[in-house]
């Protein structure tokens, strides 16, 4: 298990709901607004094989990681997030679901894993939380930890068309599809592409599905 340094543990990050005290509402709200269905579609389009090593970056409360393990029990799943409270909730959920997942605390732009460690890397509804330089750092790290020909699957909100004066929506403005694809290409991920989309939050925000391959 990786151990965070004191400097790493004190880094600032944006919690899943924006504020710590809202964390208990995260799972009910994501189900209500269709985020869980969007994650299900992400898994449906990803080929999981027995023996694969899988990383879920920014796992939050663990819903995607648990879904991966339930879909293909014979994969090894590692799930990473900087939020200790979210990880504690994720571990409880995994225990209730009866699945074995290695939950670890860490940051997407400094993945604590060796080069070529994973067959697949997933990221769901976390990318928009990052500043632009952090996004680039994360994508470079994902390329590093993917095995040759390994696959990266991501779903995230598309560009926001409203509320850009607020911090969260400003991040969504920076999540325009063309910028995401350009960042993936700059990080030297191979064949970066959009493979689908769907509407969330009563049609207010699009969810965009991305795929790319490792070196």
N, C-alpha and C. Protein backbone atom coordinates (compact mmCIF):
# COMPACT_ATOMS: atom_id res chain seq x y z
N UNK A 1 0.84 -1.20 0.00
CA UNK A 1 0.00 0.00 0.00
C UNK A 1 0.87 1.24 0.00
N UNK A 2 0.52 2.21 -0.83
CA UNK A 2 1.28 3.45 -0.89
C UNK A 2 0.97 4.32 0.32
N UNK A 3 1.95 5.09 0.75
CA UNK A 3 1.79 5.99 1.90
C UNK A 3 2.06 7.40 1.45
N UNK A 4 1.14 8.32 1.75
CA UNK A 4 1.31 9.70 1.36
C UNK A 4 2.29 10.40 2.30
N UNK A 5 3.13 11.25 1.74
CA UNK A 5 3.99 12.08 2.56
C UNK A 5 3.14 13.18 3.21
N UNK A 6 3.72 13.85 4.20
CA UNK A 6 3.00 14.94 4.87
C UNK A 6 2.65 16.04 3.87
N UNK A 7 3.61 16.35 2.97
CA UNK A 7 3.36 17.40 1.97
C UNK A 7 2.19 17.01 1.07
N UNK A 8 2.16 15.73 0.66
CA UNK A 8 1.08 15.27 -0.21
C UNK A 8 -0.26 15.32 0.51
N UNK A 9 -0.28 14.93 1.79
CA UNK A 9 -1.53 14.88 2.54
C UNK A 9 -2.13 16.25 2.76
N UNK A 10 -1.28 17.30 2.66
CA UNK A 10 -1.75 18.66 2.91
C UNK A 10 -2.12 19.40 1.61
N UNK A 11 -2.00 18.76 0.46
CA UNK A 11 -2.39 19.40 -0.79
C UNK A 11 -3.88 19.71 -0.77
N UNK A 12 -4.24 20.78 -1.43
CA UNK A 12 -5.64 21.18 -1.52
C UNK A 12 -6.28 20.46 -2.70
N UNK A 13 -7.49 19.96 -2.48
CA UNK A 13 -8.24 19.32 -3.56
C UNK A 13 -9.71 19.70 -3.40
N UNK A 14 -10.47 19.54 -4.46
CA UNK A 14 -11.90 19.86 -4.44
C UNK A 14 -12.67 18.58 -4.15
N UNK A 15 -13.38 18.49 -3.00
CA UNK A 15 -14.16 17.29 -2.70
C UNK A 15 -15.25 17.05 -3.74
N UNK A 16 -15.74 15.81 -3.78
CA UNK A 16 -16.72 15.43 -4.79
C UNK A 16 -17.95 16.30 -4.83
N UNK A 17 -18.44 16.74 -3.67
CA UNK A 17 -19.62 17.60 -3.63
C UNK A 17 -19.26 19.06 -3.41
N UNK A 18 -17.96 19.38 -3.47
CA UNK A 18 -17.53 20.76 -3.28
C UNK A 18 -17.22 21.09 -1.84
N UNK A 19 -17.99 20.52 -0.90
CA UNK A 19 -17.81 20.74 0.53
C UNK A 19 -17.89 19.41 1.27
N UNK A 20 -17.03 19.22 2.27
CA UNK A 20 -16.97 17.95 3.00
C UNK A 20 -18.31 17.53 3.58
N UNK A 21 -19.06 18.48 4.15
CA UNK A 21 -20.28 18.11 4.86
C UNK A 21 -21.38 17.63 3.93
N UNK A 22 -21.20 17.84 2.62
CA UNK A 22 -22.18 17.37 1.64
C UNK A 22 -21.90 15.93 1.16
N UNK A 23 -20.79 15.34 1.61
CA UNK A 23 -20.40 14.03 1.12
C UNK A 23 -21.50 12.97 1.27
N UNK A 24 -22.26 12.92 2.40
CA UNK A 24 -23.32 11.90 2.50
C UNK A 24 -24.39 12.01 1.42
N UNK A 25 -24.50 13.17 0.77
CA UNK A 25 -25.50 13.34 -0.29
C UNK A 25 -24.99 12.90 -1.66
N UNK A 26 -23.69 12.60 -1.75
CA UNK A 26 -23.10 12.34 -3.07
C UNK A 26 -23.75 11.15 -3.77
N UNK A 27 -23.82 10.02 -3.12
CA UNK A 27 -24.37 8.83 -3.77
C UNK A 27 -25.85 8.99 -4.13
N UNK A 28 -26.71 9.48 -3.20
CA UNK A 28 -28.12 9.66 -3.59
C UNK A 28 -28.31 10.62 -4.75
N UNK A 29 -27.54 11.71 -4.78
CA UNK A 29 -27.70 12.70 -5.84
C UNK A 29 -27.18 12.19 -7.18
N UNK A 30 -26.08 11.44 -7.16
CA UNK A 30 -25.57 10.91 -8.42
C UNK A 30 -26.55 9.90 -9.03
N UNK A 31 -27.22 9.15 -8.18
CA UNK A 31 -28.25 8.24 -8.70
C UNK A 31 -29.43 9.03 -9.26
N UNK A 32 -29.85 10.07 -8.53
CA UNK A 32 -31.00 10.86 -8.95
C UNK A 32 -30.78 11.53 -10.31
N UNK A 33 -29.58 12.05 -10.53
CA UNK A 33 -29.32 12.82 -11.74
C UNK A 33 -28.70 12.00 -12.87
N UNK A 34 -28.65 10.69 -12.71
CA UNK A 34 -28.24 9.83 -13.81
C UNK A 34 -26.76 9.56 -13.92
N UNK A 35 -25.97 10.01 -12.96
CA UNK A 35 -24.53 9.80 -13.03
C UNK A 35 -24.19 8.32 -12.92
N UNK A 36 -24.90 7.59 -12.07
CA UNK A 36 -24.62 6.16 -11.93
C UNK A 36 -24.92 5.41 -13.22
N UNK A 37 -25.97 5.79 -13.90
CA UNK A 37 -26.27 5.14 -15.20
C UNK A 37 -25.17 5.46 -16.22
N UNK A 38 -24.66 6.68 -16.15
CA UNK A 38 -23.56 7.06 -17.05
C UNK A 38 -22.32 6.23 -16.76
N UNK A 39 -22.05 5.96 -15.50
CA UNK A 39 -20.91 5.11 -15.16
C UNK A 39 -21.14 3.68 -15.66
N UNK A 40 -22.38 3.21 -15.56
CA UNK A 40 -22.69 1.87 -16.05
C UNK A 40 -22.40 1.74 -17.53
N UNK A 41 -22.73 2.78 -18.29
CA UNK A 41 -22.45 2.77 -19.72
C UNK A 41 -20.95 2.77 -19.99
N UNK A 42 -20.18 3.46 -19.15
CA UNK A 42 -18.72 3.47 -19.30
C UNK A 42 -18.17 2.05 -19.19
N UNK A 43 -18.67 1.30 -18.21
CA UNK A 43 -18.21 -0.08 -18.01
C UNK A 43 -18.66 -0.99 -19.13
N UNK A 44 -19.87 -0.76 -19.61
CA UNK A 44 -20.41 -1.61 -20.67
C UNK A 44 -19.55 -1.54 -21.92
N UNK A 45 -18.96 -0.37 -22.17
CA UNK A 45 -18.16 -0.18 -23.38
C UNK A 45 -16.70 -0.57 -23.21
N UNK A 46 -16.31 -0.95 -21.99
CA UNK A 46 -14.91 -1.30 -21.72
C UNK A 46 -14.79 -2.82 -21.61
N UNK A 47 -13.85 -3.39 -22.32
CA UNK A 47 -13.64 -4.84 -22.28
C UNK A 47 -12.77 -5.19 -21.07
N UNK A 48 -13.37 -5.88 -20.11
CA UNK A 48 -12.66 -6.34 -18.92
C UNK A 48 -12.41 -7.83 -19.06
N UNK A 49 -11.17 -8.25 -18.81
CA UNK A 49 -10.82 -9.66 -18.94
C UNK A 49 -10.27 -10.19 -17.62
N UNK A 50 -10.52 -11.45 -17.31
CA UNK A 50 -9.94 -12.06 -16.10
C UNK A 50 -8.43 -11.85 -16.06
N UNK A 51 -7.93 -11.42 -14.90
CA UNK A 51 -6.50 -11.20 -14.74
C UNK A 51 -6.05 -9.79 -15.03
N UNK A 52 -6.92 -8.94 -15.59
CA UNK A 52 -6.55 -7.55 -15.84
C UNK A 52 -6.25 -6.83 -14.54
N UNK A 53 -5.29 -5.90 -14.60
CA UNK A 53 -5.05 -4.97 -13.50
C UNK A 53 -5.67 -3.64 -13.88
N UNK A 54 -6.51 -3.10 -12.98
CA UNK A 54 -7.34 -1.94 -13.30
C UNK A 54 -7.14 -0.86 -12.24
N UNK A 55 -7.02 0.39 -12.69
CA UNK A 55 -6.91 1.54 -11.80
C UNK A 55 -8.09 2.47 -12.01
N UNK A 56 -8.74 2.86 -10.93
CA UNK A 56 -9.80 3.87 -10.95
C UNK A 56 -9.23 5.14 -10.32
N UNK A 57 -8.97 6.15 -11.13
CA UNK A 57 -8.37 7.40 -10.66
C UNK A 57 -9.47 8.35 -10.20
N UNK A 58 -9.36 8.87 -8.99
CA UNK A 58 -10.39 9.75 -8.44
C UNK A 58 -11.65 8.97 -8.14
N UNK A 59 -11.50 7.90 -7.39
CA UNK A 59 -12.60 6.94 -7.19
C UNK A 59 -13.74 7.45 -6.33
N UNK A 60 -13.51 8.52 -5.56
CA UNK A 60 -14.58 9.05 -4.71
C UNK A 60 -15.11 8.01 -3.74
N UNK A 61 -16.41 7.81 -3.74
CA UNK A 61 -17.02 6.86 -2.80
C UNK A 61 -17.03 5.43 -3.33
N UNK A 62 -16.33 5.17 -4.42
CA UNK A 62 -16.07 3.80 -4.84
C UNK A 62 -17.08 3.15 -5.75
N UNK A 63 -18.07 3.87 -6.23
CA UNK A 63 -19.14 3.25 -7.02
C UNK A 63 -18.61 2.59 -8.30
N UNK A 64 -17.74 3.28 -9.04
CA UNK A 64 -17.23 2.71 -10.28
C UNK A 64 -16.33 1.51 -9.99
N UNK A 65 -15.45 1.64 -9.02
CA UNK A 65 -14.54 0.54 -8.68
C UNK A 65 -15.32 -0.71 -8.29
N UNK A 66 -16.37 -0.53 -7.50
CA UNK A 66 -17.21 -1.67 -7.10
C UNK A 66 -17.91 -2.25 -8.32
N UNK A 67 -18.40 -1.39 -9.21
CA UNK A 67 -19.04 -1.86 -10.43
C UNK A 67 -18.09 -2.66 -11.31
N UNK A 68 -16.83 -2.23 -11.38
CA UNK A 68 -15.83 -2.97 -12.16
C UNK A 68 -15.67 -4.37 -11.60
N UNK A 69 -15.52 -4.47 -10.29
CA UNK A 69 -15.29 -5.77 -9.65
C UNK A 69 -16.52 -6.67 -9.77
N UNK A 70 -17.69 -6.09 -9.70
CA UNK A 70 -18.90 -6.89 -9.84
C UNK A 70 -19.08 -7.38 -11.27
N UNK A 71 -18.66 -6.57 -12.23
CA UNK A 71 -18.81 -6.94 -13.63
C UNK A 71 -17.83 -8.05 -14.02
N UNK A 72 -16.60 -7.96 -13.49
CA UNK A 72 -15.59 -8.97 -13.78
C UNK A 72 -14.82 -9.26 -12.49
N UNK A 73 -15.29 -10.24 -11.69
CA UNK A 73 -14.69 -10.50 -10.38
C UNK A 73 -13.21 -10.88 -10.42
N UNK A 74 -12.72 -11.36 -11.57
CA UNK A 74 -11.35 -11.86 -11.63
C UNK A 74 -10.35 -10.82 -12.12
N UNK A 75 -10.69 -9.54 -11.94
CA UNK A 75 -9.71 -8.48 -12.19
C UNK A 75 -9.20 -7.96 -10.86
N UNK A 76 -8.01 -7.39 -10.89
CA UNK A 76 -7.45 -6.73 -9.71
C UNK A 76 -7.73 -5.24 -9.81
N UNK A 77 -8.43 -4.68 -8.83
CA UNK A 77 -8.84 -3.27 -8.89
C UNK A 77 -8.13 -2.47 -7.81
N UNK A 78 -7.48 -1.40 -8.24
CA UNK A 78 -6.90 -0.41 -7.34
C UNK A 78 -7.67 0.89 -7.55
N UNK A 79 -8.06 1.53 -6.45
CA UNK A 79 -8.86 2.76 -6.54
C UNK A 79 -8.17 3.85 -5.72
N UNK A 80 -7.98 5.01 -6.33
CA UNK A 80 -7.18 6.09 -5.73
C UNK A 80 -8.00 7.35 -5.61
N UNK A 81 -7.85 8.05 -4.48
CA UNK A 81 -8.51 9.34 -4.28
C UNK A 81 -7.77 10.10 -3.17
N UNK A 82 -7.74 11.44 -3.23
CA UNK A 82 -7.08 12.20 -2.16
C UNK A 82 -7.94 12.41 -0.93
N UNK A 83 -9.25 12.11 -1.02
CA UNK A 83 -10.21 12.43 0.04
C UNK A 83 -10.35 11.25 1.00
N UNK A 84 -9.77 11.36 2.18
CA UNK A 84 -9.80 10.26 3.15
C UNK A 84 -11.23 9.91 3.57
N UNK A 85 -12.10 10.91 3.66
CA UNK A 85 -13.49 10.64 4.06
C UNK A 85 -14.24 9.87 2.98
N UNK A 86 -14.01 10.23 1.74
CA UNK A 86 -14.63 9.50 0.64
C UNK A 86 -14.11 8.07 0.59
N UNK A 87 -12.82 7.89 0.82
CA UNK A 87 -12.24 6.55 0.81
C UNK A 87 -12.81 5.68 1.92
N UNK A 88 -13.03 6.26 3.10
CA UNK A 88 -13.62 5.50 4.20
C UNK A 88 -15.02 5.02 3.82
N UNK A 89 -15.77 5.88 3.17
CA UNK A 89 -17.11 5.50 2.71
C UNK A 89 -17.01 4.41 1.63
N UNK A 90 -16.03 4.56 0.73
CA UNK A 90 -15.84 3.57 -0.33
C UNK A 90 -15.50 2.20 0.25
N UNK A 91 -14.65 2.17 1.25
CA UNK A 91 -14.28 0.88 1.86
C UNK A 91 -15.49 0.20 2.50
N UNK A 92 -16.34 0.98 3.14
CA UNK A 92 -17.55 0.41 3.75
C UNK A 92 -18.49 -0.14 2.67
N UNK A 93 -18.63 0.60 1.58
CA UNK A 93 -19.50 0.13 0.49
C UNK A 93 -18.97 -1.16 -0.13
N UNK A 94 -17.66 -1.23 -0.32
CA UNK A 94 -17.07 -2.43 -0.91
C UNK A 94 -17.25 -3.64 0.01
N UNK A 95 -17.12 -3.41 1.30
CA UNK A 95 -17.32 -4.49 2.26
C UNK A 95 -18.75 -5.00 2.21
N UNK A 96 -19.71 -4.07 2.15
CA UNK A 96 -21.12 -4.47 2.06
C UNK A 96 -21.39 -5.23 0.75
N UNK A 97 -20.71 -4.82 -0.32
CA UNK A 97 -20.91 -5.48 -1.61
C UNK A 97 -20.17 -6.81 -1.71
N UNK A 98 -19.30 -7.09 -0.75
CA UNK A 98 -18.56 -8.35 -0.75
C UNK A 98 -17.49 -8.44 -1.82
N UNK A 99 -16.87 -7.29 -2.16
CA UNK A 99 -15.82 -7.29 -3.17
C UNK A 99 -14.50 -6.79 -2.58
N UNK A 100 -13.41 -7.28 -3.13
CA UNK A 100 -12.08 -6.92 -2.66
C UNK A 100 -11.45 -5.89 -3.60
N UNK A 101 -11.22 -4.69 -3.06
CA UNK A 101 -10.64 -3.58 -3.84
C UNK A 101 -9.57 -2.93 -2.98
N UNK A 102 -8.46 -2.56 -3.59
CA UNK A 102 -7.39 -1.88 -2.86
C UNK A 102 -7.61 -0.37 -2.99
N UNK A 103 -8.12 0.24 -1.93
CA UNK A 103 -8.34 1.68 -1.91
C UNK A 103 -7.11 2.37 -1.33
N UNK A 104 -6.60 3.39 -2.04
CA UNK A 104 -5.41 4.10 -1.59
C UNK A 104 -5.60 5.60 -1.73
N UNK A 105 -4.90 6.32 -0.89
CA UNK A 105 -4.99 7.78 -0.92
C UNK A 105 -3.83 8.35 -1.73
N UNK A 106 -4.15 9.21 -2.69
CA UNK A 106 -3.11 9.81 -3.51
C UNK A 106 -3.71 10.75 -4.53
N UNK A 107 -2.86 11.38 -5.34
CA UNK A 107 -3.28 12.41 -6.29
C UNK A 107 -3.06 11.94 -7.72
N UNK A 108 -3.97 12.34 -8.59
CA UNK A 108 -3.96 11.89 -9.98
C UNK A 108 -2.72 12.34 -10.73
N UNK A 109 -2.17 13.49 -10.39
CA UNK A 109 -1.01 14.02 -11.12
C UNK A 109 0.31 13.47 -10.60
N UNK A 110 0.25 12.58 -9.62
CA UNK A 110 1.46 11.95 -9.07
C UNK A 110 1.10 10.52 -8.65
N UNK A 111 0.75 9.70 -9.60
CA UNK A 111 0.28 8.34 -9.30
C UNK A 111 1.42 7.52 -8.68
N UNK A 112 1.16 6.89 -7.54
CA UNK A 112 2.22 6.16 -6.83
C UNK A 112 2.40 4.73 -7.32
N UNK A 113 2.49 4.55 -8.63
CA UNK A 113 2.59 3.22 -9.21
C UNK A 113 3.70 3.19 -10.25
N UNK A 114 4.24 2.01 -10.48
CA UNK A 114 5.35 1.85 -11.43
C UNK A 114 4.87 2.01 -12.87
N UNK A 115 5.80 2.24 -13.74
CA UNK A 115 5.51 2.35 -15.17
C UNK A 115 4.92 1.05 -15.69
N UNK A 116 3.87 1.16 -16.49
CA UNK A 116 3.28 -0.01 -17.11
C UNK A 116 2.61 -0.97 -16.14
N UNK A 117 1.99 -0.45 -15.08
CA UNK A 117 1.41 -1.31 -14.06
C UNK A 117 0.00 -1.80 -14.37
N UNK A 118 -0.73 -1.11 -15.27
CA UNK A 118 -2.16 -1.39 -15.43
C UNK A 118 -2.55 -1.67 -16.87
N UNK A 119 -3.49 -2.61 -17.02
CA UNK A 119 -4.09 -2.90 -18.31
C UNK A 119 -5.13 -1.85 -18.70
N UNK A 120 -5.87 -1.38 -17.70
CA UNK A 120 -6.91 -0.38 -17.94
C UNK A 120 -6.88 0.67 -16.84
N UNK A 121 -7.15 1.90 -17.22
CA UNK A 121 -7.33 2.99 -16.27
C UNK A 121 -8.67 3.65 -16.55
N UNK A 122 -9.45 3.87 -15.49
CA UNK A 122 -10.75 4.52 -15.60
C UNK A 122 -10.73 5.84 -14.82
N UNK A 123 -11.57 6.76 -15.28
CA UNK A 123 -11.77 8.02 -14.56
C UNK A 123 -13.21 8.47 -14.83
N UNK A 124 -13.99 8.68 -13.77
CA UNK A 124 -15.39 9.07 -13.98
C UNK A 124 -15.75 10.31 -13.16
N UNK A 125 -16.11 11.36 -13.85
CA UNK A 125 -16.62 12.60 -13.25
C UNK A 125 -15.68 13.18 -12.20
N UNK A 126 -14.39 13.10 -12.48
CA UNK A 126 -13.39 13.72 -11.62
C UNK A 126 -12.55 14.74 -12.37
N UNK A 127 -12.38 14.57 -13.69
CA UNK A 127 -11.45 15.38 -14.46
C UNK A 127 -11.76 16.87 -14.34
N UNK A 128 -13.05 17.22 -14.27
CA UNK A 128 -13.42 18.64 -14.21
C UNK A 128 -13.03 19.28 -12.88
N UNK A 129 -12.68 18.48 -11.89
CA UNK A 129 -12.25 19.03 -10.60
C UNK A 129 -10.86 19.64 -10.66
N UNK A 130 -10.09 19.28 -11.69
CA UNK A 130 -8.69 19.66 -11.74
C UNK A 130 -8.48 20.97 -12.49
N UNK A 131 -7.45 21.70 -12.08
CA UNK A 131 -7.00 22.86 -12.85
C UNK A 131 -6.29 22.36 -14.10
N UNK A 132 -6.07 23.24 -15.07
CA UNK A 132 -5.57 22.81 -16.37
C UNK A 132 -4.22 22.11 -16.26
N UNK A 133 -3.29 22.64 -15.46
CA UNK A 133 -1.98 21.99 -15.34
C UNK A 133 -2.09 20.64 -14.65
N UNK A 134 -3.03 20.52 -13.71
CA UNK A 134 -3.25 19.24 -13.04
C UNK A 134 -3.83 18.21 -14.01
N UNK A 135 -4.71 18.65 -14.89
CA UNK A 135 -5.26 17.74 -15.90
C UNK A 135 -4.15 17.16 -16.77
N UNK A 136 -3.26 18.03 -17.20
CA UNK A 136 -2.17 17.57 -18.06
C UNK A 136 -1.27 16.61 -17.31
N UNK A 137 -1.00 16.93 -16.03
CA UNK A 137 -0.18 16.04 -15.21
C UNK A 137 -0.83 14.68 -15.03
N UNK A 138 -2.14 14.65 -14.81
CA UNK A 138 -2.86 13.40 -14.66
C UNK A 138 -2.76 12.55 -15.92
N UNK A 139 -2.98 13.16 -17.08
CA UNK A 139 -2.96 12.41 -18.33
C UNK A 139 -1.56 11.85 -18.62
N UNK A 140 -0.54 12.62 -18.31
CA UNK A 140 0.83 12.11 -18.49
C UNK A 140 1.08 10.91 -17.57
N UNK A 141 0.59 11.00 -16.34
CA UNK A 141 0.76 9.90 -15.40
C UNK A 141 -0.02 8.66 -15.83
N UNK A 142 -1.21 8.86 -16.37
CA UNK A 142 -1.99 7.72 -16.85
C UNK A 142 -1.25 7.02 -17.99
N UNK A 143 -0.70 7.80 -18.90
CA UNK A 143 0.09 7.18 -19.98
C UNK A 143 1.25 6.38 -19.40
N UNK A 144 1.90 6.91 -18.37
CA UNK A 144 3.06 6.25 -17.78
C UNK A 144 2.69 4.90 -17.16
N UNK A 145 1.56 4.86 -16.45
CA UNK A 145 1.23 3.63 -15.71
C UNK A 145 0.48 2.61 -16.57
N UNK A 146 0.06 3.00 -17.78
CA UNK A 146 -0.59 2.03 -18.67
C UNK A 146 0.45 1.10 -19.30
N UNK A 147 0.08 -0.17 -19.41
CA UNK A 147 0.91 -1.11 -20.16
C UNK A 147 0.87 -0.74 -21.64
N UNK A 148 1.86 -1.14 -22.43
CA UNK A 148 1.80 -0.90 -23.88
C UNK A 148 0.49 -1.46 -24.45
N UNK A 149 -0.26 -0.61 -25.12
CA UNK A 149 -1.55 -1.02 -25.66
C UNK A 149 -2.66 -1.03 -24.65
N UNK A 150 -2.37 -0.67 -23.39
CA UNK A 150 -3.43 -0.58 -22.38
C UNK A 150 -4.42 0.51 -22.73
N UNK A 151 -5.59 0.49 -22.07
CA UNK A 151 -6.68 1.39 -22.47
C UNK A 151 -7.10 2.32 -21.34
N UNK A 152 -7.41 3.54 -21.74
CA UNK A 152 -7.90 4.57 -20.82
C UNK A 152 -9.34 4.89 -21.19
N UNK A 153 -10.25 4.79 -20.21
CA UNK A 153 -11.66 5.08 -20.40
C UNK A 153 -12.08 6.17 -19.42
N UNK A 154 -12.70 7.22 -19.94
CA UNK A 154 -13.10 8.34 -19.08
C UNK A 154 -14.47 8.86 -19.48
N UNK A 155 -15.27 9.22 -18.49
CA UNK A 155 -16.50 9.96 -18.72
C UNK A 155 -16.47 11.19 -17.81
N UNK A 156 -16.84 12.32 -18.38
CA UNK A 156 -16.87 13.55 -17.58
C UNK A 156 -17.86 14.52 -18.19
N UNK A 157 -18.19 15.54 -17.42
CA UNK A 157 -19.09 16.57 -17.92
C UNK A 157 -18.43 17.32 -19.07
N UNK A 158 -19.24 17.70 -20.03
CA UNK A 158 -18.76 18.54 -21.12
C UNK A 158 -18.74 19.99 -20.70
N UNK A 159 -18.53 20.85 -21.67
CA UNK A 159 -18.42 22.29 -21.42
C UNK A 159 -19.72 22.86 -20.89
N UNK A 160 -19.63 23.65 -19.82
CA UNK A 160 -20.81 24.31 -19.26
C UNK A 160 -21.18 25.52 -20.10
N UNK A 161 -22.46 25.74 -20.30
CA UNK A 161 -22.91 26.90 -21.07
C UNK A 161 -23.59 27.93 -20.18
N UNK A 162 -23.39 27.79 -18.86
CA UNK A 162 -24.06 28.70 -17.93
C UNK A 162 -23.20 28.81 -16.68
N UNK A 163 -23.39 29.88 -15.91
CA UNK A 163 -22.78 30.00 -14.59
C UNK A 163 -21.27 30.08 -14.58
N UNK A 164 -20.64 30.55 -15.64
CA UNK A 164 -19.19 30.50 -15.72
C UNK A 164 -18.50 31.42 -14.73
N UNK A 165 -19.24 32.27 -14.03
CA UNK A 165 -18.64 33.16 -13.06
C UNK A 165 -18.30 32.45 -11.77
N UNK A 166 -18.84 31.28 -11.54
CA UNK A 166 -18.56 30.53 -10.32
C UNK A 166 -17.43 29.54 -10.57
N UNK A 167 -16.67 29.23 -9.49
CA UNK A 167 -15.46 28.42 -9.64
C UNK A 167 -15.75 27.07 -10.27
N UNK A 168 -16.76 26.37 -9.80
CA UNK A 168 -17.03 25.03 -10.33
C UNK A 168 -17.39 25.09 -11.80
N UNK A 169 -18.24 26.05 -12.17
CA UNK A 169 -18.64 26.14 -13.57
C UNK A 169 -17.49 26.62 -14.45
N UNK A 170 -16.60 27.42 -13.86
CA UNK A 170 -15.40 27.81 -14.62
C UNK A 170 -14.59 26.57 -15.00
N UNK A 171 -14.49 25.62 -14.08
CA UNK A 171 -13.79 24.38 -14.37
C UNK A 171 -14.48 23.62 -15.50
N UNK A 172 -15.82 23.67 -15.52
CA UNK A 172 -16.55 23.00 -16.58
C UNK A 172 -16.33 23.69 -17.92
N UNK A 173 -16.23 25.02 -17.90
CA UNK A 173 -15.93 25.75 -19.13
C UNK A 173 -14.61 25.25 -19.72
N UNK A 174 -13.68 24.89 -18.84
CA UNK A 174 -12.37 24.42 -19.27
C UNK A 174 -12.41 22.96 -19.70
N UNK A 175 -13.60 22.32 -19.58
CA UNK A 175 -13.74 20.92 -19.91
C UNK A 175 -14.30 20.70 -21.31
N UNK A 176 -14.19 21.70 -22.16
CA UNK A 176 -14.66 21.57 -23.53
C UNK A 176 -13.98 20.38 -24.21
N UNK A 177 -14.75 19.67 -25.02
CA UNK A 177 -14.25 18.44 -25.62
C UNK A 177 -12.96 18.65 -26.40
N UNK A 178 -12.86 19.73 -27.13
CA UNK A 178 -11.66 19.96 -27.94
C UNK A 178 -10.43 20.12 -27.05
N UNK A 179 -10.61 20.74 -25.88
CA UNK A 179 -9.48 20.92 -24.97
C UNK A 179 -9.07 19.60 -24.36
N UNK A 180 -10.06 18.78 -23.99
CA UNK A 180 -9.75 17.49 -23.39
C UNK A 180 -8.99 16.61 -24.39
N UNK A 181 -9.47 16.56 -25.62
CA UNK A 181 -8.80 15.75 -26.64
C UNK A 181 -7.39 16.27 -26.92
N UNK A 182 -7.24 17.59 -26.97
CA UNK A 182 -5.92 18.18 -27.20
C UNK A 182 -4.97 17.82 -26.06
N UNK A 183 -5.48 17.84 -24.83
CA UNK A 183 -4.65 17.50 -23.67
C UNK A 183 -4.23 16.03 -23.70
N UNK A 184 -5.15 15.16 -24.10
CA UNK A 184 -4.83 13.73 -24.19
C UNK A 184 -3.75 13.49 -25.25
N UNK A 185 -3.87 14.19 -26.37
CA UNK A 185 -2.88 14.05 -27.44
C UNK A 185 -1.53 14.60 -27.00
N UNK A 186 -1.55 15.74 -26.30
CA UNK A 186 -0.30 16.33 -25.82
C UNK A 186 0.40 15.41 -24.82
N UNK A 187 -0.39 14.66 -24.05
CA UNK A 187 0.17 13.71 -23.09
C UNK A 187 0.66 12.43 -23.76
N UNK A 188 0.53 12.36 -25.09
CA UNK A 188 0.99 11.24 -25.90
C UNK A 188 0.18 9.97 -25.66
N UNK A 189 -1.08 10.13 -25.26
CA UNK A 189 -1.99 9.01 -25.30
C UNK A 189 -2.36 8.78 -26.77
N UNK A 190 -2.54 7.52 -27.14
CA UNK A 190 -2.69 7.15 -28.54
C UNK A 190 -4.17 7.07 -28.92
N UNK A 191 -4.51 7.61 -30.10
CA UNK A 191 -5.85 7.51 -30.67
C UNK A 191 -6.92 8.05 -29.70
N UNK A 192 -6.66 9.21 -29.12
CA UNK A 192 -7.64 9.84 -28.23
C UNK A 192 -8.89 10.22 -29.02
N UNK A 193 -10.04 9.86 -28.50
CA UNK A 193 -11.28 10.08 -29.25
C UNK A 193 -12.48 10.14 -28.32
N UNK A 194 -13.55 10.73 -28.82
CA UNK A 194 -14.86 10.72 -28.15
C UNK A 194 -15.65 9.54 -28.70
N UNK A 195 -16.22 8.74 -27.81
CA UNK A 195 -16.94 7.54 -28.26
C UNK A 195 -18.43 7.59 -27.93
N UNK A 196 -18.90 8.68 -27.30
CA UNK A 196 -20.32 8.79 -27.02
C UNK A 196 -20.62 9.96 -26.11
N UNK A 197 -21.91 10.20 -25.89
CA UNK A 197 -22.35 11.26 -24.99
C UNK A 197 -23.77 10.94 -24.52
N UNK A 198 -24.17 11.60 -23.43
CA UNK A 198 -25.54 11.49 -22.95
C UNK A 198 -25.85 12.71 -22.10
N UNK A 199 -27.13 13.01 -21.92
CA UNK A 199 -27.54 14.19 -21.15
C UNK A 199 -27.75 13.82 -19.69
N UNK A 200 -27.33 14.72 -18.81
CA UNK A 200 -27.51 14.57 -17.37
C UNK A 200 -28.17 15.83 -16.81
N UNK A 201 -28.62 15.73 -15.56
CA UNK A 201 -29.18 16.89 -14.87
C UNK A 201 -30.28 17.54 -15.71
N UNK A 202 -31.27 16.72 -16.11
CA UNK A 202 -32.42 17.21 -16.89
C UNK A 202 -31.97 17.92 -18.17
N UNK A 203 -30.90 17.45 -18.76
CA UNK A 203 -30.42 18.02 -20.01
C UNK A 203 -29.54 19.24 -19.87
N UNK A 204 -29.21 19.65 -18.63
CA UNK A 204 -28.41 20.86 -18.44
C UNK A 204 -26.93 20.65 -18.75
N UNK A 205 -26.45 19.41 -18.58
CA UNK A 205 -25.03 19.12 -18.81
C UNK A 205 -24.88 17.85 -19.64
N UNK A 206 -23.96 17.84 -20.57
CA UNK A 206 -23.67 16.60 -21.29
C UNK A 206 -22.60 15.80 -20.55
N UNK A 207 -22.71 14.48 -20.62
CA UNK A 207 -21.63 13.59 -20.19
C UNK A 207 -20.95 13.09 -21.45
N UNK A 208 -19.63 13.24 -21.52
CA UNK A 208 -18.86 12.89 -22.70
C UNK A 208 -17.97 11.69 -22.37
N UNK A 209 -17.97 10.71 -23.26
CA UNK A 209 -17.16 9.50 -23.09
C UNK A 209 -15.91 9.59 -23.97
N UNK A 210 -14.76 9.36 -23.35
CA UNK A 210 -13.48 9.40 -24.05
C UNK A 210 -12.78 8.05 -23.94
N UNK A 211 -11.98 7.74 -24.95
CA UNK A 211 -11.12 6.57 -24.89
C UNK A 211 -9.78 6.93 -25.52
N UNK A 212 -8.73 6.25 -25.04
CA UNK A 212 -7.40 6.38 -25.62
C UNK A 212 -6.61 5.14 -25.24
N UNK A 213 -5.46 4.97 -25.87
CA UNK A 213 -4.61 3.82 -25.58
C UNK A 213 -3.28 4.28 -25.03
N UNK A 214 -2.59 3.34 -24.40
CA UNK A 214 -1.28 3.63 -23.83
C UNK A 214 -0.19 3.61 -24.90
N UNK A 215 1.05 3.71 -24.46
CA UNK A 215 2.18 3.83 -25.39
C UNK A 215 2.35 2.59 -26.26
